[in-house]
Structures are given as structure tokens and as C-alpha cells.
Amino acid sequence: MSASTALRGVLTGSVITRIVLGWVAVALLSLASGFLAGSLSMPLVFTLLALIVGVIIVCSGGVVTQAEHLAHRLGDPYGTLVLTLSIVLIEVILISAVMLGPGEHPTIARDSVMAASMIVLTLIIGLALMVGGMRHESMQVNRTGISTYFSMLVVLIGTAFAFPVVIGKQGAYSTGQAIVIIVLTVGLYGFFLYRQTGAQRGDFQEATGTVNKPHLREHRAEILTRALVLVITVIPIVLLSHDMASLLDSALTRLSAPVALSGIIIAMIVFLPEAITTVRAAWTGEAQRITNLAHGALVSCVGLTLPVVLAIGLLTGQTVILAESPTNLMLLGISLLLSLTTFSAQRLTPIHGAAHLFVFALYALSVFA
């Protein structure tokens, strides 16, 4: 397929409209940043929030479309990696921008990754298993692949949130400890990607044997174009989510809502394209793609965020508090244990999904406690 043909096939009217809408919204918010910093009435705050969320939802539809085409052309795990890494990398950049900006934000990485972990492990997985389990009698995953994901998650989440409680000082790693953790995390995550996209690629493909074969040579121009369009469409989603933080903080403060709720809402919006794609994979019965999208995203989120924020802390002299509260550590432990029991079953059912959603409800309850 030629480059011109690929452009005509990918850059449809709806695709261009979504891209323009997203970037125009980002530009308008940037120009109005001074105005938004002032005191706004509650009706205006909620109106702006509704408009931003509407734009994000429209753009998310475009991201999902490109991700599904790429998954078909590339095959797993490459297809899901494109969407996962594009969202997670931008999220890591945003966290880094907050840390490098004015003011002290010692818990921004901890709070963001904690919210993302609970949303992925309980809410997104719960919804996907409910949808897929109700529509398909039998959904099976590649057990070696899911075991690999959970091995990574247990180690990375434990290193990020639990280990600082034991050896850290006031919830933070010392300089020497941080350097060791950075090297270990980068090495482990790099080796994971190397094996996932190489010798162990088959462990992350559908267990039923119905695998989309990659079509790299004959569709190279289309693949590159769709990947570029996906990234261009994702960036406004994350930037809008970041910009709306001030509006959310204002609204939640006036409503006397918990401060942590803002981070949860933003994390849910940032991972909206991932969530939609995961639920749609469940609807079509692609069980392995569910875990590739959800658990793969979380592995990348923790595996990239942890070394980056620790490195920023070392370079800028900032304190990076990672140790979690006993309540959140308990919820993370329950979520990981539940995930292990769920995906070790012979088939995935709606009851598994209901149990995951129940844990998310407990997490939401703890936020308001």
C-alpha cells in the first residue's frame, strides 16, 4: 500500500474532525488559563468540565478505532503495546512535568499510580469480565502470559508502595536505595519488553489459536500512519485531563469532597481509551487481549513511572514519597490476590467480574472514609 493510499484510507473526515476538535480544545484552554485561574461560579465550572469530558470522549472514540486497526495489522502483543505505551508514556510525562513545575508534589506519583492500579485491576477488568462473561460462555487466557503479567505486577507494585514502608525513611527511598531501585526496575521492565515482543510473543496471544497474523510489509505505510494518528489523538486527551485538574479541585473543594477523588477522576479519564478498547475486546471474546490491554498498561505504568520519578527526585533534590497507607496496601493486596485467582480459573465468568467491581466499590468507600 502506497503512502498516499494509506493517508486517504486513514485520514477520513471523522478522524480529522476528532484531531482538530481535541487540539482546538487544548489551545482554547491554554489561552484561557489565566481566566480559569480566577474564581469561577459553580455553574460555569461544571459547564467547562462537561465540555472537556465531552471532547475527551469524542477523541477516545478515535483512539479506539486506530488501536483496533493496528491490533489487526500488527497482531498481539504489538497491537496492544502501541495503545498502551502511547497513553502511559504521556501520563509519565505529565507526572514529571508536575514534579518539575513550581511547588512541592512529593506524593503525585504515588497517588496517580495508586489510582491507576485500582482502576485497572478492579474497575476495567471487572467491567470487561462482566461484559465478556455474559456474552460468551467460555473465555480463556494464555496462562503463561497472564502469569508473566502478575509476576511483574507483584514485584513492581510491591517495590513502589510496600518496600518503602519497610526500608524507606518517612516513606521515601534514600539516595543509594533509589539508585538501586532505578537500575533494577529499568532492567526488569526492559527484559520484560524484550521477551514479550521476541521469544515469548506467543505467550501473549489468544489461547484459542485464533490469532491475527501481522501484515507488516504490505501495510507498512498504513501502520505508520495509524500509529501517528493514534498518538496525535491521544495527546489532547491527556493534556485536557491535566488541564481540568484545576477545575476539578475547585469543584471538589466547594463540595467538600475528598482530595484524592480528583486524582481518581483524572486517572479514569486518562485511561478511558484503554478501558473502552478492553471492554470491546471482551465483547468480541478476545480474552487475552483484555489482559494485554489492562495488565500490560499497568505493568508499563508502574515500570516507567517508578524509575522516572525517582530519577527526577535525585536530580532535583525533591523528596518522592511512595509508601502507601495500610488501607491502600490492603486493597492492593486484595486486588492482586483476586486477580491471581480469577485468571487461574479454567474460564472467566461474570461472577469474577462482579467480585472485581466489588473491590473497586471498597476502594471508592475508603476514599470517602
Protein backbone atom coordinates (compact mmCIF):
# COMPACT_ATOMS: atom_id res chain seq x y z
CA MET A 1 0.00 0.00 0.00
CA SER A 2 1.42 3.40 -1.02
CA ALA A 3 1.75 6.30 1.39
CA SER A 4 -0.89 8.35 -0.46
CA THR A 5 -3.37 5.48 -0.42
CA ALA A 6 -2.71 4.92 3.30
CA LEU A 7 -3.32 8.60 4.05
CA ARG A 8 -6.63 8.60 2.15
CA GLY A 9 -7.75 5.42 3.89
CA VAL A 10 -6.81 6.56 7.40
CA LEU A 11 -7.45 10.31 7.37
CA THR A 12 -11.21 10.17 6.97
CA GLY A 13 -13.49 13.07 7.79
CA SER A 14 -14.32 11.76 11.26
CA VAL A 15 -10.63 11.19 12.08
CA ILE A 16 -9.66 14.72 11.06
CA THR A 17 -12.63 16.16 12.97
CA ARG A 18 -11.58 14.40 16.18
CA ILE A 19 -7.98 15.56 15.86
CA VAL A 20 -8.98 19.16 15.18
CA LEU A 21 -11.55 19.15 17.99
CA GLY A 22 -9.03 17.82 20.51
CA TRP A 23 -6.25 20.24 19.65
CA VAL A 24 -8.58 23.26 19.37
CA ALA A 25 -9.88 22.46 22.87
CA VAL A 26 -6.29 22.27 24.17
CA ALA A 27 -5.44 25.60 22.54
CA LEU A 28 -8.54 27.32 23.93
CA LEU A 29 -7.86 26.03 27.43
CA SER A 30 -4.28 27.20 27.19
CA LEU A 31 -5.37 30.69 26.10
CA ALA A 32 -7.98 30.83 28.87
CA SER A 33 -5.63 29.55 31.59
CA GLY A 34 -5.39 32.97 33.24
CA PHE A 35 -9.15 33.30 33.31
CA LEU A 36 -9.64 29.79 34.68
CA ALA A 37 -7.17 30.51 37.48
CA GLY A 38 -9.62 33.02 38.92
CA SER A 39 -12.74 32.43 40.93
CA LEU A 40 -15.47 30.89 38.77
CA SER A 41 -19.10 30.28 39.60
CA MET A 42 -20.15 26.68 40.21
CA PRO A 43 -22.41 26.51 37.09
CA LEU A 44 -19.51 27.69 34.92
CA VAL A 45 -17.10 25.19 36.49
CA PHE A 46 -19.45 22.27 35.85
CA THR A 47 -20.19 23.50 32.31
CA LEU A 48 -16.48 23.63 31.46
CA LEU A 49 -15.95 20.20 33.00
CA ALA A 50 -18.80 18.76 30.96
CA LEU A 51 -17.41 20.26 27.74
CA ILE A 52 -13.92 18.92 28.44
CA VAL A 53 -15.21 15.44 29.22
CA GLY A 54 -17.31 15.53 26.04
CA VAL A 55 -14.26 16.36 23.92
CA ILE A 56 -12.26 13.61 25.63
CA ILE A 57 -14.97 11.03 24.94
CA VAL A 58 -15.13 12.01 21.26
CA CYS A 59 -11.33 11.80 20.92
CA SER A 60 -11.30 8.48 22.79
CA GLY A 61 -13.51 7.01 20.10
CA GLY A 62 -10.87 7.90 17.53
CA VAL A 63 -8.10 6.35 19.62
CA VAL A 64 -10.06 3.12 19.99
CA THR A 65 -10.67 2.92 16.23
CA GLN A 66 -6.98 3.32 15.38
CA ALA A 67 -5.96 0.87 18.12
CA GLU A 68 -8.28 -1.82 16.78
CA HIS A 69 -6.98 -1.40 13.22
CA LEU A 70 -3.39 -1.59 14.47
CA ALA A 71 -4.16 -4.69 16.53
CA HIS A 72 -5.48 -6.35 13.38
CA ARG A 73 -2.48 -5.37 11.27
CA LEU A 74 0.27 -5.95 13.85
CA GLY A 75 -1.14 -8.85 15.86
CA ASP A 76 -0.62 -9.18 19.60
CA PRO A 77 1.25 -8.11 21.62
CA TYR A 78 2.43 -5.34 19.26
CA GLY A 79 -1.07 -4.04 18.55
CA THR A 80 -1.93 -3.52 22.22
CA LEU A 81 1.54 -2.19 23.03
CA VAL A 82 1.07 0.77 20.70
CA LEU A 83 -2.02 1.99 22.57
CA THR A 84 -0.69 1.08 26.00
CA LEU A 85 2.70 2.74 25.65
CA SER A 86 1.33 5.87 23.98
CA ILE A 87 -1.07 6.53 26.88
CA VAL A 88 1.33 5.53 29.67
CA LEU A 89 4.29 7.46 28.27
CA ILE A 90 2.27 10.67 28.09
CA GLU A 91 0.95 10.07 31.61
CA VAL A 92 4.53 9.66 32.86
CA ILE A 93 5.50 12.89 31.09
CA LEU A 94 2.63 14.73 32.81
CA ILE A 95 3.63 13.44 36.24
CA SER A 96 7.19 14.51 35.51
CA ALA A 97 6.01 17.97 34.40
CA VAL A 98 4.14 18.43 37.70
CA MET A 99 7.23 17.40 39.67
CA LEU A 100 9.46 19.75 37.69
CA GLY A 101 6.99 22.64 37.96
CA PRO A 102 6.63 25.12 40.82
CA GLY A 103 5.74 23.88 44.29
CA GLU A 104 6.30 20.61 46.12
CA HIS A 105 4.47 17.49 44.96
CA PRO A 106 6.06 14.62 46.92
CA THR A 107 3.10 12.22 46.56
CA ILE A 108 1.95 12.95 42.98
CA ALA A 109 3.45 9.74 41.55
CA ARG A 110 2.18 7.57 44.41
CA ASP A 111 -1.37 8.95 44.22
CA SER A 112 -1.53 8.73 40.41
CA VAL A 113 -0.21 5.18 40.14
CA MET A 114 -2.33 4.01 43.08
CA ALA A 115 -5.48 5.30 41.38
CA ALA A 116 -4.42 3.75 38.06
CA SER A 117 -3.70 0.40 39.75
CA MET A 118 -7.11 0.14 41.38
CA ILE A 119 -8.93 1.34 38.28
CA VAL A 120 -7.20 -1.21 36.04
CA LEU A 121 -7.21 -4.20 38.43
CA THR A 122 -10.80 -3.80 39.61
CA LEU A 123 -12.94 -1.39 37.55
CA ILE A 124 -11.72 -2.03 33.99
CA ILE A 125 -11.17 -5.76 34.48
CA GLY A 126 -14.49 -6.05 36.33
CA LEU A 127 -16.45 -4.37 33.54
CA ALA A 128 -14.67 -6.40 30.87
CA LEU A 129 -15.35 -9.72 32.59
CA MET A 130 -18.98 -8.82 33.18
CA VAL A 131 -19.50 -7.88 29.52
CA GLY A 132 -17.48 -10.75 28.08
CA GLY A 133 -18.72 -13.34 30.53
CA MET A 134 -22.38 -12.51 29.90
CA ARG A 135 -21.94 -12.70 26.12
CA HIS A 136 -19.55 -15.64 25.83
CA GLU A 137 -19.89 -18.91 27.71
CA SER A 138 -16.18 -19.56 27.76
CA MET A 139 -13.34 -17.06 27.77
CA GLN A 140 -9.83 -18.37 28.28
CA VAL A 141 -6.49 -16.62 28.55
CA ASN A 142 -2.97 -17.80 27.81
CA ARG A 143 -1.92 -18.79 31.33
CA THR A 144 1.79 -18.27 30.78
CA GLY A 145 1.17 -14.75 29.56
CA ILE A 146 -1.10 -13.76 32.44
CA SER A 147 1.30 -15.35 34.92
CA THR A 148 4.07 -13.18 33.47
CA TYR A 149 1.99 -10.04 33.91
CA PHE A 150 1.20 -10.85 37.53
CA SER A 151 4.82 -11.71 38.31
CA MET A 152 5.74 -8.24 37.08
CA LEU A 153 2.88 -6.52 38.91
CA VAL A 154 3.56 -8.18 42.27
CA VAL A 155 7.22 -7.17 42.13
CA LEU A 156 6.72 -3.64 40.73
CA ILE A 157 3.75 -2.68 42.92
CA GLY A 158 5.48 -4.11 45.98
CA THR A 159 8.64 -2.15 45.17
CA ALA A 160 6.69 1.05 44.56
CA PHE A 161 4.29 1.05 47.51
CA ALA A 162 5.21 -1.56 50.13
CA PHE A 163 9.02 -1.75 50.19
CA PRO A 164 9.46 1.97 51.06
CA VAL A 165 7.36 1.35 54.18
CA VAL A 166 9.93 -1.24 55.34
CA ILE A 167 13.30 0.28 54.41
CA GLY A 168 12.48 3.87 53.47
CA LYS A 169 12.72 6.94 55.69
CA GLN A 170 9.39 8.73 56.11
CA GLY A 171 8.00 6.82 53.14
CA ALA A 172 10.82 7.68 50.71
CA TYR A 173 13.88 5.84 49.44
CA SER A 174 17.33 7.18 50.34
CA THR A 175 19.69 8.24 47.53
CA GLY A 176 21.53 4.92 47.47
CA GLN A 177 18.34 2.91 47.65
CA ALA A 178 16.75 4.97 44.86
CA ILE A 179 19.68 4.34 42.52
CA VAL A 180 19.48 0.58 43.10
CA ILE A 181 15.69 0.59 42.56
CA ILE A 182 16.04 2.58 39.32
CA VAL A 183 18.60 0.16 37.90
CA LEU A 184 16.62 -2.92 38.93
CA THR A 185 13.30 -1.57 37.62
CA VAL A 186 14.68 -0.43 34.26
CA GLY A 187 16.48 -3.76 33.84
CA LEU A 188 13.41 -5.84 34.69
CA TYR A 189 10.99 -3.82 32.57
CA GLY A 190 13.39 -3.74 29.62
CA PHE A 191 13.88 -7.51 29.81
CA PHE A 192 10.09 -7.97 30.01
CA LEU A 193 9.53 -5.96 26.80
CA TYR A 194 12.40 -7.78 25.08
CA ARG A 195 10.89 -11.19 25.83
CA GLN A 196 7.28 -10.12 25.27
CA THR A 197 7.99 -8.89 21.75
CA GLY A 198 10.50 -11.62 20.98
CA ALA A 199 10.89 -15.21 22.05
CA GLN A 200 7.80 -15.23 24.32
CA ARG A 201 5.49 -13.41 21.96
CA GLY A 202 3.26 -16.47 21.67
CA ASP A 203 2.54 -16.32 25.42
CA PHE A 204 0.56 -13.10 24.85
CA GLN A 205 -1.64 -14.33 22.00
CA GLU A 206 -5.12 -15.81 22.24
CA ALA A 207 -5.20 -19.24 23.85
CA THR A 208 -7.88 -20.41 21.38
CA GLY A 209 -5.44 -20.21 18.49
CA THR A 210 -7.43 -17.54 16.63
CA VAL A 211 -4.58 -15.07 16.23
CA ASN A 212 -4.44 -12.07 13.93
CA LYS A 213 -1.32 -12.54 11.85
CA PRO A 214 0.76 -9.41 11.37
CA HIS A 215 0.76 -7.77 7.96
CA LEU A 216 3.85 -5.59 8.20
CA ARG A 217 5.33 -5.41 4.73
CA GLU A 218 2.22 -4.92 2.62
CA HIS A 219 0.65 -2.45 5.07
CA ARG A 220 3.72 -0.63 6.41
CA ALA A 221 2.51 2.83 5.28
CA GLU A 222 -0.93 2.28 6.81
CA ILE A 223 0.55 1.03 10.10
CA LEU A 224 2.86 4.03 10.44
CA THR A 225 0.06 6.44 9.56
CA ARG A 226 -2.37 4.91 12.03
CA ALA A 227 0.25 4.86 14.79
CA LEU A 228 0.95 8.55 14.20
CA VAL A 229 -2.76 9.40 14.15
CA LEU A 230 -3.27 7.45 17.39
CA VAL A 231 -0.53 9.39 19.19
CA ILE A 232 -1.77 12.72 17.83
CA THR A 233 -5.26 11.89 19.07
CA VAL A 234 -4.11 10.61 22.47
CA ILE A 235 -2.05 13.67 23.41
CA PRO A 236 -5.04 16.08 23.65
CA ILE A 237 -6.89 13.58 25.86
CA VAL A 238 -4.11 13.53 28.42
CA LEU A 239 -3.44 17.27 28.17
CA LEU A 240 -7.13 18.07 28.66
CA SER A 241 -7.25 15.71 31.64
CA HIS A 242 -4.29 17.52 33.15
CA ASP A 243 -5.75 20.98 32.48
CA MET A 244 -9.09 20.08 34.01
CA ALA A 245 -7.38 19.24 37.31
CA SER A 246 -7.73 22.84 38.50
CA LEU A 247 -11.43 22.84 37.66
CA LEU A 248 -11.93 19.54 39.47
CA ASP A 249 -10.03 20.76 42.52
CA SER A 250 -12.19 23.88 42.61
CA ALA A 251 -15.42 21.92 42.29
CA LEU A 252 -14.47 19.24 44.81
CA THR A 253 -13.23 21.81 47.33
CA ARG A 254 -16.53 23.66 47.19
CA LEU A 255 -18.40 20.38 47.55
CA SER A 256 -16.12 19.33 50.47
CA ALA A 257 -15.22 16.14 48.59
CA PRO A 258 -12.02 14.15 49.34
CA VAL A 259 -8.88 15.50 47.67
CA ALA A 260 -7.95 12.01 46.40
CA LEU A 261 -11.13 11.94 44.33
CA SER A 262 -9.62 14.41 41.87
CA GLY A 263 -6.71 12.07 41.09
CA ILE A 264 -9.08 9.13 40.65
CA ILE A 265 -11.30 11.00 38.21
CA ILE A 266 -8.33 12.20 36.16
CA ALA A 267 -6.83 8.70 36.07
CA MET A 268 -10.18 7.29 34.90
CA ILE A 269 -10.35 9.83 32.09
CA VAL A 270 -6.73 9.31 31.05
CA PHE A 271 -7.28 5.54 30.82
CA LEU A 272 -10.67 5.94 29.08
CA PRO A 273 -9.40 4.84 25.63
CA GLU A 274 -7.75 1.81 27.24
CA ALA A 275 -10.96 0.99 29.11
CA ILE A 276 -13.17 1.27 26.02
CA THR A 277 -10.81 -0.91 23.98
CA THR A 278 -10.63 -3.50 26.76
CA VAL A 279 -14.43 -3.75 27.10
CA ARG A 280 -14.80 -4.01 23.33
CA ALA A 281 -12.25 -6.83 23.30
CA ALA A 282 -14.37 -8.58 25.93
CA TRP A 283 -17.48 -8.07 23.81
CA THR A 284 -15.80 -9.88 20.90
CA GLY A 285 -14.47 -12.62 23.18
CA GLU A 286 -10.77 -11.74 22.91
CA ALA A 287 -9.84 -12.78 26.44
CA GLN A 288 -6.08 -12.48 26.02
CA ARG A 289 -6.42 -9.01 24.55
CA ILE A 290 -8.30 -7.98 27.70
CA THR A 291 -5.30 -8.79 29.86
CA ASN A 292 -2.79 -7.48 27.29
CA LEU A 293 -4.51 -4.10 27.36
CA ALA A 294 -5.31 -3.83 31.07
CA HIS A 295 -2.47 -5.62 32.81
CA GLY A 296 0.04 -4.63 30.13
CA ALA A 297 -0.88 -0.99 30.66
CA LEU A 298 -0.43 -1.29 34.41
CA VAL A 299 2.95 -3.02 34.09
CA SER A 300 4.10 -0.17 31.83
CA CYS A 301 2.59 2.46 34.11
CA VAL A 302 4.46 1.27 37.21
CA GLY A 303 7.57 0.12 35.34
CA LEU A 304 8.04 3.52 33.68
CA THR A 305 6.76 5.85 36.40
CA LEU A 306 8.85 4.43 39.26
CA PRO A 307 12.35 4.94 37.77
CA VAL A 308 11.43 8.28 36.16
CA VAL A 309 10.10 9.91 39.34
CA LEU A 310 12.97 8.56 41.42
CA ALA A 311 15.46 9.93 38.89
CA ILE A 312 13.74 13.33 38.95
CA GLY A 313 13.84 13.28 42.73
CA LEU A 314 17.59 12.57 42.70
CA LEU A 315 18.36 15.26 40.10
CA THR A 316 16.23 17.99 41.69
CA GLY A 317 16.68 17.09 45.35
CA GLN A 318 12.94 16.55 45.81
CA THR A 319 11.53 14.03 48.23
CA VAL A 320 9.49 11.35 46.46
CA ILE A 321 7.10 9.73 48.93
CA LEU A 322 5.99 6.32 47.66
CA ALA A 323 4.96 4.42 50.81
CA GLU A 324 1.21 3.80 50.86
CA SER A 325 -1.21 3.78 53.77
CA PRO A 326 -2.14 0.45 55.38
CA THR A 327 -5.66 0.72 53.90
CA ASN A 328 -4.41 1.15 50.33
CA LEU A 329 -1.79 -1.58 50.77
CA MET A 330 -4.54 -3.93 51.92
CA LEU A 331 -6.72 -3.01 48.92
CA LEU A 332 -3.81 -3.54 46.53
CA GLY A 333 -3.08 -6.92 48.13
CA ILE A 334 -6.73 -7.97 47.81
CA SER A 335 -6.83 -6.79 44.18
CA LEU A 336 -3.70 -8.73 43.23
CA LEU A 337 -4.83 -11.86 45.05
CA LEU A 338 -8.28 -11.65 43.45
CA SER A 339 -6.69 -11.18 40.02
CA LEU A 340 -4.50 -14.24 40.53
CA THR A 341 -7.47 -16.41 41.48
CA THR A 342 -9.63 -15.02 38.67
CA PHE A 343 -7.19 -15.62 35.85
CA SER A 344 -6.06 -19.01 37.13
CA ALA A 345 -9.58 -20.36 36.51
CA GLN A 346 -10.39 -22.63 33.57
CA ARG A 347 -12.70 -19.93 32.17
CA LEU A 348 -13.61 -16.36 33.02
CA THR A 349 -17.15 -15.69 34.23
CA PRO A 350 -19.37 -12.70 35.13
CA ILE A 351 -19.04 -13.65 38.80
CA HIS A 352 -15.31 -12.93 38.58
CA GLY A 353 -16.16 -9.54 37.13
CA ALA A 354 -18.65 -8.80 39.90
CA ALA A 355 -16.01 -9.59 42.53
CA HIS A 356 -13.57 -7.13 40.93
CA LEU A 357 -16.21 -4.40 40.81
CA PHE A 358 -16.99 -5.08 44.48
CA VAL A 359 -13.34 -4.37 45.39
CA PHE A 360 -13.45 -1.14 43.40
CA ALA A 361 -16.52 -0.14 45.43
CA LEU A 362 -14.50 -0.81 48.59
CA TYR A 363 -11.73 1.42 47.23
CA ALA A 364 -14.22 4.20 46.49
CA LEU A 365 -15.63 3.77 50.02
CA SER A 366 -12.15 4.13 51.50
CA VAL A 367 -11.65 7.42 49.65
CA PHE A 368 -14.68 8.92 51.38
CA ALA A 369 -13.89 7.38 54.77
